[in-house]
C-alpha atoms as a PDB file:
ATOM      1  CA  MET A   1      26.623  -4.030  -8.219  1.00  0.00           C
ATOM      2  CA  PHE A   2      25.351  -4.554 -11.997  1.00  0.00           C
ATOM      3  CA  LEU A   3      25.015  -8.381 -11.195  1.00  0.00           C
ATOM      4  CA  GLY A   4      22.978  -7.574  -8.163  1.00  0.00           C
ATOM      5  CA  PHE A   5      20.765  -5.216 -10.222  1.00  0.00           C
ATOM      6  CA  LEU A   6      20.173  -7.658 -12.889  1.00  0.00           C
ATOM      7  CA  LEU A   7      19.169 -10.333 -10.295  1.00  0.00           C
ATOM      8  CA  TYR A   8      16.812  -7.767  -8.558  1.00  0.00           C
ATOM      9  CA  LEU A   9      15.216  -6.906 -11.885  1.00  0.00           C
ATOM     10  CA  ARG A  10      14.678 -10.511 -12.730  1.00  0.00           C
ATOM     11  CA  GLU A  11      13.410 -11.374  -9.288  1.00  0.00           C
ATOM     12  CA  GLY A  12      10.680  -8.618  -9.723  1.00  0.00           C
ATOM     13  CA  GLY A  13       9.515 -10.130 -12.798  1.00  0.00           C
ATOM     14  CA  PHE A  14      11.461  -7.854 -15.347  1.00  0.00           C
ATOM     15  CA  LYS A  15      12.408  -9.903 -18.507  1.00  0.00           C
ATOM     16  CA  VAL A  16      15.970  -8.509 -19.439  1.00  0.00           C
ATOM     17  CA  SER A  17      17.366 -10.112 -22.506  1.00  0.00           C
ATOM     18  CA  LEU A  18      21.211 -10.829 -22.730  1.00  0.00           C
ATOM     19  CA  LYS A  19      21.371  -8.369 -25.703  1.00  0.00           C
ATOM     20  CA  ASP A  20      19.467  -5.476 -23.728  1.00  0.00           C
ATOM     21  CA  TRP A  21      21.870  -6.021 -20.759  1.00  0.00           C
ATOM     22  CA  LEU A  22      25.254  -6.022 -22.746  1.00  0.00           C
ATOM     23  CA  THR A  23      23.959  -2.990 -24.616  1.00  0.00           C
ATOM     24  CA  LEU A  24      23.411  -1.314 -21.171  1.00  0.00           C
ATOM     25  CA  ILE A  25      26.887  -2.279 -19.917  1.00  0.00           C
ATOM     26  CA  GLU A  26      28.216  -0.985 -23.447  1.00  0.00           C
ATOM     27  CA  GLY A  27      26.456   2.348 -22.801  1.00  0.00           C
ATOM     28  CA  LEU A  28      28.158   2.564 -19.395  1.00  0.00           C
ATOM     29  CA  GLN A  29      31.502   1.888 -20.695  1.00  0.00           C
ATOM     30  CA  MET A  30      31.054   4.587 -23.058  1.00  0.00           C
ATOM     31  CA  GLY A  31      30.086   6.902 -20.138  1.00  0.00           C
ATOM     32  CA  LEU A  32      26.544   7.649 -21.475  1.00  0.00           C
ATOM     33  CA  HIS A  33      25.355   7.843 -17.968  1.00  0.00           C
ATOM     34  CA  ASP A  34      27.393  10.995 -17.185  1.00  0.00           C
ATOM     35  CA  GLN A  35      28.943   9.345 -13.987  1.00  0.00           C
ATOM     36  CA  SER A  36      25.765   9.847 -12.184  1.00  0.00           C
ATOM     37  CA  LEU A  37      22.829   7.672 -10.693  1.00  0.00           C
ATOM     38  CA  LYS A  38      20.457   9.731 -12.592  1.00  0.00           C
ATOM     39  CA  GLY A  39      22.145   9.169 -15.732  1.00  0.00           C
ATOM     40  CA  PHE A  40      22.279   5.447 -14.891  1.00  0.00           C
ATOM     41  CA  PHE A  41      18.370   5.477 -14.386  1.00  0.00           C
ATOM     42  CA  VAL A  42      17.794   7.483 -17.695  1.00  0.00           C
ATOM     43  CA  LEU A  43      20.228   5.003 -19.627  1.00  0.00           C
ATOM     44  CA  SER A  44      18.510   1.877 -18.007  1.00  0.00           C
ATOM     45  CA  ARG A  45      14.993   3.413 -18.900  1.00  0.00           C
ATOM     46  CA  ALA A  46      15.980   4.112 -22.459  1.00  0.00           C
ATOM     47  CA  LEU A  47      17.499   0.691 -23.104  1.00  0.00           C
ATOM     48  CA  LEU A  48      15.427  -1.713 -20.980  1.00  0.00           C
ATOM     49  CA  VAL A  49      12.075  -0.306 -20.590  1.00  0.00           C
ATOM     50  CA  LYS A  50       9.415  -1.064 -23.337  1.00  0.00           C
ATOM     51  CA  THR A  51       6.216  -0.869 -21.300  1.00  0.00           C
ATOM     52  CA  GLU A  52       4.792   1.054 -18.241  1.00  0.00           C
ATOM     53  CA  THR A  53       4.708  -1.975 -16.036  1.00  0.00           C
ATOM     54  CA  GLU A  54       8.544  -2.539 -16.777  1.00  0.00           C
ATOM     55  CA  LEU A  55       9.214   1.098 -15.719  1.00  0.00           C
ATOM     56  CA  GLU A  56       7.712   0.175 -12.293  1.00  0.00           C
ATOM     57  CA  HIS A  57       9.754  -3.096 -12.110  1.00  0.00           C
ATOM     58  CA  LEU A  58      12.834  -1.052 -13.137  1.00  0.00           C
ATOM     59  CA  LEU A  59      12.086   1.679 -10.323  1.00  0.00           C
ATOM     60  CA  PHE A  60      11.382  -0.931  -7.649  1.00  0.00           C
ATOM     61  CA  SER A  61      14.454  -2.954  -8.548  1.00  0.00           C
ATOM     62  CA  LEU A  62      16.708   0.175  -8.792  1.00  0.00           C
ATOM     63  CA  SER A  63      15.519   1.377  -5.299  1.00  0.00           C
ATOM     64  CA  LYS A  64      15.978  -2.305  -3.869  1.00  0.00           C
ATOM     65  CA  SER A  65      19.580  -2.328  -5.320  1.00  0.00           C
ATOM     66  CA  MET A  66      20.589   1.176  -3.962  1.00  0.00           C
ATOM     67  CA  LYS A  67      19.179   0.117  -0.296  1.00  0.00           C
ATOM     68  CA  HIS A  68      21.605  -2.809  -0.529  1.00  0.00           C
ATOM     69  CA  LEU A  69      24.440  -0.847  -1.373  1.00  0.00           C
ATOM     70  CA  TYR A  70      23.762   1.783   1.235  1.00  0.00           C
ATOM     71  CA  GLN A  71      23.760  -0.944   3.780  1.00  0.00           C
ATOM     72  CA  LEU A  72      26.963  -2.465   2.550  1.00  0.00           C
ATOM     73  CA  PHE A  73      28.559   0.947   2.451  1.00  0.00           C
ATOM     74  CA  SER A  74      27.343   1.790   6.009  1.00  0.00           C
ATOM     75  CA  GLU A  75      28.688  -1.558   7.289  1.00  0.00           C
ATOM     76  CA  HIS A  76      32.066  -0.869   5.727  1.00  0.00           C
ATOM     77  CA  LEU A  77      32.278   2.555   7.202  1.00  0.00           C
ATOM     78  CA  ARG A  78      31.329   1.382  10.737  1.00  0.00           C
ATOM     79  CA  GLU A  79      34.136  -1.108  10.549  1.00  0.00           C
ATOM     80  CA  HIS A  80      36.695   1.347   9.434  1.00  0.00           C
ATOM     81  CA  LEU A  81      35.807   4.368  11.732  1.00  0.00           C
END
C-alpha cells in the first residue's frame, strides 16, 4: 500500500524526499497514526506537506490510493464469497 501511495504522490507532481518518506514510515511504526486513516492523513500532512499546493497533491493522491485499495478489496471479497 505504501509504495503505491508514494508512486501516486510522485505521479501527481508531489516531490517526496527519501528522508521525508522514511520519517513517515518511522512515525507509522511508532503508532503515531493511532491505527486510523484519519491519523495516517494527519501524520502524512504534518511530515510531508510544506505548501498549500502540496496539500492538494496529498489529498488527490490519498483519494486515488484509497480508491485503488477499495477496488482490490472488493475483488477479493467477490472471489471469496
